[in-house]
């Protein structure tokens, strides 16, 4: 489990500075303080990529450590260049290219590969569900607030009108809101409201439309959180069950020894 998460369901909420610090920590992990620490950075990239790839469902049925499966592995990991597996694979391959370039004193290839492995790591971290969802929802919220602000300088009466319209928009289905947003026909005429700018009404419709997607994403994240928790419990059982069995066996052996020692045979 990661030491920190952008998910609002874990460990409270970030401040603005805390959010920026967390993102910097994600993207600048194991930052080398000197050239001597470059090997540590490359090992971090390689190990993190390999661990992620080995646990990916994309490799179900193939053996990462089997050279005969190399072509199939490469095909699976590179067929979708938007998945995190693709960027993890780039990190892994590029780390080996850097190692070889350093051995051969190929400065230009080393610099080229270091640039691309760093970019691959950034895209890998940005592809995490929590990171991507945080970025997307922040953008959507910013777009909504900007559109509402630009629509007009709201008077108190306009603010009250917007508040009173909230229940109306909340009662609409996703299909209805999508139609209002996309067909470019005036929303005010549809609902009999003429005292608010059309831009404001459309911004409200977009906001409520986005809530459907947000709820879907929250449901997916809740499902993923549950899967991770179940996996963590499964790993704990794998670790502790042998220990428990060994303790029972040892206790049984000690008990038998004591019985044999203090109770003479008939």
Foldseek 3Di string as FASTA:
>chain_A
DDPDFLDCVPDHHDDPVRVVVVLCCQLCPQPDPDPVCVLVVLVVLQVVLVVVLVPDPLQPPHDPPDPVCVVVSVCSQCVDCLALSVLSVLSNVLSVQLVVCVVVVVVVSNVVSVVSNSVSSSSSSCSPLSNVVVVVVVVLVVVLVVLLVVQDPDDPVNVVVVVVCVVVLLPDDLVVLVCCQPPPDQPCVVVVHDPGGSSNVNSSSSVSNVVVVVVVSVVVVVVVVVVVVVVVVVVVCVVCVVVVVVVVVVVVVVVVVVCPVPPPDD
